[in-house]
Amino acid sequence: MSADEMRNYCLSIRNFNLRVQVRLKDGSEICIGKIGDVEKEKFQLVTEKEGVKSLRYAWIARIANA
């Protein structure tokens, strides 16, 4: 998925308050949370344990429904 596709996906599901699973490209981390603010280069993932994380689209390998 390209950065533009990820941004559009985040924008499309943000209002539904769905939980998503985000896997980073380096495979070091899988995060589960809800999409917060969506910007051109990054988005916020609101997690229960870690709070709000800012993630750049370039770091993301996959975003899927959790």
N, C-alpha and C. Protein backbone atom coordinates (compact mmCIF):
# COMPACT_ATOMS: atom_id res chain seq x y z
N MET A 1 0.85 -1.17 0.00
CA MET A 1 0.00 0.00 0.00
C MET A 1 0.90 1.24 0.00
N SER A 2 0.63 2.17 -0.87
CA SER A 2 1.41 3.40 -0.93
C SER A 2 1.02 4.34 0.21
N ALA A 3 1.81 5.38 0.41
CA ALA A 3 1.53 6.36 1.47
C ALA A 3 0.17 7.05 1.23
N ASP A 4 -0.13 7.37 -0.02
CA ASP A 4 -1.42 8.00 -0.33
C ASP A 4 -2.59 7.06 -0.04
N GLU A 5 -2.42 5.79 -0.38
CA GLU A 5 -3.46 4.80 -0.11
C GLU A 5 -3.67 4.62 1.39
N MET A 6 -2.57 4.60 2.15
CA MET A 6 -2.67 4.48 3.61
C MET A 6 -3.38 5.69 4.21
N ARG A 7 -3.03 6.88 3.72
CA ARG A 7 -3.66 8.11 4.21
C ARG A 7 -5.16 8.08 3.93
N ASN A 8 -5.55 7.71 2.72
CA ASN A 8 -6.97 7.63 2.36
C ASN A 8 -7.70 6.57 3.18
N TYR A 9 -7.04 5.44 3.44
CA TYR A 9 -7.64 4.39 4.26
C TYR A 9 -7.86 4.91 5.69
N CYS A 10 -6.85 5.58 6.24
CA CYS A 10 -6.97 6.14 7.60
C CYS A 10 -8.11 7.16 7.67
N LEU A 11 -8.19 8.01 6.66
CA LEU A 11 -9.27 9.00 6.62
C LEU A 11 -10.64 8.34 6.53
N SER A 12 -10.73 7.26 5.77
CA SER A 12 -12.02 6.62 5.56
C SER A 12 -12.53 5.88 6.80
N ILE A 13 -11.64 5.36 7.64
CA ILE A 13 -12.10 4.60 8.81
C ILE A 13 -12.05 5.39 10.11
N ARG A 14 -11.42 6.54 10.11
CA ARG A 14 -11.26 7.33 11.33
C ARG A 14 -12.60 7.63 12.01
N ASN A 15 -13.58 8.03 11.27
CA ASN A 15 -14.87 8.41 11.84
C ASN A 15 -15.66 7.23 12.41
N PHE A 16 -15.32 6.01 12.00
CA PHE A 16 -16.02 4.83 12.49
C PHE A 16 -15.45 4.32 13.82
N ASN A 17 -14.30 4.88 14.23
CA ASN A 17 -13.69 4.53 15.51
C ASN A 17 -13.35 3.04 15.60
N LEU A 18 -12.90 2.46 14.49
CA LEU A 18 -12.54 1.05 14.43
C LEU A 18 -11.14 0.80 14.96
N ARG A 19 -10.93 -0.36 15.53
CA ARG A 19 -9.58 -0.75 15.95
C ARG A 19 -8.81 -1.29 14.75
N VAL A 20 -7.57 -0.89 14.64
CA VAL A 20 -6.71 -1.37 13.56
C VAL A 20 -5.42 -1.94 14.13
N GLN A 21 -4.79 -2.78 13.33
CA GLN A 21 -3.49 -3.33 13.67
C GLN A 21 -2.48 -2.74 12.69
N VAL A 22 -1.41 -2.15 13.24
CA VAL A 22 -0.40 -1.51 12.42
C VAL A 22 0.92 -2.26 12.61
N ARG A 23 1.53 -2.68 11.49
CA ARG A 23 2.82 -3.36 11.56
C ARG A 23 3.87 -2.47 10.90
N LEU A 24 4.97 -2.25 11.61
CA LEU A 24 6.05 -1.42 11.08
C LEU A 24 6.90 -2.20 10.09
N LYS A 25 7.55 -1.50 9.16
CA LYS A 25 8.34 -2.14 8.12
C LYS A 25 9.51 -2.95 8.67
N ASP A 26 10.11 -2.48 9.76
CA ASP A 26 11.25 -3.21 10.30
C ASP A 26 10.82 -4.44 11.11
N GLY A 27 9.51 -4.65 11.24
CA GLY A 27 8.98 -5.83 11.93
C GLY A 27 9.16 -5.81 13.43
N SER A 28 9.65 -4.71 13.97
CA SER A 28 9.95 -4.65 15.40
C SER A 28 8.72 -4.47 16.26
N GLU A 29 7.62 -4.01 15.68
CA GLU A 29 6.49 -3.66 16.52
C GLU A 29 5.18 -3.82 15.76
N ILE A 30 4.19 -4.34 16.48
CA ILE A 30 2.82 -4.37 16.00
C ILE A 30 1.98 -3.63 17.03
N CYS A 31 1.27 -2.62 16.59
CA CYS A 31 0.47 -1.79 17.49
C CYS A 31 -1.01 -1.98 17.15
N ILE A 32 -1.84 -1.96 18.19
CA ILE A 32 -3.28 -2.03 18.00
C ILE A 32 -3.90 -0.80 18.64
N GLY A 33 -4.76 -0.13 17.91
CA GLY A 33 -5.39 1.08 18.43
C GLY A 33 -6.40 1.63 17.44
N LYS A 34 -6.77 2.86 17.66
CA LYS A 34 -7.73 3.55 16.80
C LYS A 34 -7.05 4.74 16.14
N ILE A 35 -7.46 5.05 14.93
CA ILE A 35 -6.88 6.16 14.17
C ILE A 35 -7.35 7.48 14.77
N GLY A 36 -6.40 8.36 15.05
CA GLY A 36 -6.71 9.70 15.55
C GLY A 36 -6.59 10.69 14.42
N ASP A 37 -5.78 11.71 14.60
CA ASP A 37 -5.58 12.77 13.62
C ASP A 37 -4.81 12.21 12.41
N VAL A 38 -5.24 12.56 11.21
CA VAL A 38 -4.59 12.12 9.98
C VAL A 38 -4.03 13.33 9.27
N GLU A 39 -2.72 13.30 9.03
CA GLU A 39 -2.05 14.40 8.33
C GLU A 39 -1.47 13.88 7.01
N LYS A 40 -0.82 14.76 6.28
CA LYS A 40 -0.28 14.38 4.97
C LYS A 40 0.83 13.33 5.08
N GLU A 41 1.74 13.47 6.02
CA GLU A 41 2.89 12.58 6.13
C GLU A 41 2.79 11.55 7.25
N LYS A 42 1.84 11.73 8.18
CA LYS A 42 1.75 10.83 9.33
C LYS A 42 0.32 10.81 9.88
N PHE A 43 0.09 9.88 10.79
CA PHE A 43 -1.20 9.81 11.47
C PHE A 43 -0.96 9.45 12.93
N GLN A 44 -1.96 9.66 13.75
CA GLN A 44 -1.87 9.31 15.16
C GLN A 44 -2.64 8.03 15.41
N LEU A 45 -2.01 7.13 16.17
CA LEU A 45 -2.65 5.91 16.59
C LEU A 45 -2.87 6.01 18.09
N VAL A 46 -4.12 5.91 18.50
CA VAL A 46 -4.48 6.02 19.91
C VAL A 46 -4.58 4.60 20.47
N THR A 47 -3.62 4.24 21.34
CA THR A 47 -3.58 2.91 21.93
C THR A 47 -4.04 2.96 23.38
N GLU A 48 -4.49 1.83 23.88
CA GLU A 48 -4.95 1.78 25.27
C GLU A 48 -3.78 1.83 26.25
N LYS A 49 -2.68 1.16 25.93
CA LYS A 49 -1.56 1.05 26.86
C LYS A 49 -0.55 2.19 26.74
N GLU A 50 -0.27 2.60 25.51
CA GLU A 50 0.83 3.55 25.28
C GLU A 50 0.36 4.97 24.98
N GLY A 51 -0.93 5.20 24.93
CA GLY A 51 -1.43 6.54 24.62
C GLY A 51 -1.39 6.81 23.13
N VAL A 52 -1.07 8.04 22.77
CA VAL A 52 -1.07 8.46 21.37
C VAL A 52 0.33 8.33 20.79
N LYS A 53 0.42 7.66 19.63
CA LYS A 53 1.69 7.51 18.91
C LYS A 53 1.54 8.17 17.55
N SER A 54 2.55 8.93 17.15
CA SER A 54 2.59 9.52 15.81
C SER A 54 3.40 8.58 14.92
N LEU A 55 2.81 8.12 13.84
CA LEU A 55 3.47 7.19 12.93
C LEU A 55 3.50 7.76 11.52
N ARG A 56 4.68 7.75 10.93
CA ARG A 56 4.83 8.21 9.54
C ARG A 56 4.45 7.07 8.60
N TYR A 57 3.78 7.41 7.50
CA TYR A 57 3.37 6.39 6.53
C TYR A 57 4.55 5.61 5.99
N ALA A 58 5.71 6.26 5.87
CA ALA A 58 6.90 5.60 5.35
C ALA A 58 7.37 4.45 6.24
N TRP A 59 7.00 4.46 7.51
CA TRP A 59 7.42 3.41 8.46
C TRP A 59 6.48 2.21 8.44
N ILE A 60 5.30 2.34 7.85
CA ILE A 60 4.25 1.36 7.98
C ILE A 60 4.33 0.31 6.88
N ALA A 61 4.29 -0.96 7.29
CA ALA A 61 4.24 -2.06 6.32
C ALA A 61 2.80 -2.43 6.00
N ARG A 62 1.91 -2.37 7.04
CA ARG A 62 0.55 -2.80 6.83
C ARG A 62 -0.39 -2.20 7.86
N ILE A 63 -1.58 -1.86 7.44
CA ILE A 63 -2.66 -1.44 8.33
C ILE A 63 -3.85 -2.34 8.01
N ALA A 64 -4.40 -2.98 9.04
CA ALA A 64 -5.54 -3.87 8.85
C ALA A 64 -6.49 -3.75 10.01
N ASN A 65 -7.75 -4.13 9.80
CA ASN A 65 -8.70 -4.16 10.89
C ASN A 65 -8.25 -5.17 11.93
N ALA A 66 -8.40 -4.80 13.21
CA ALA A 66 -7.98 -5.69 14.28
C ALA A 66 -9.14 -6.52 14.78
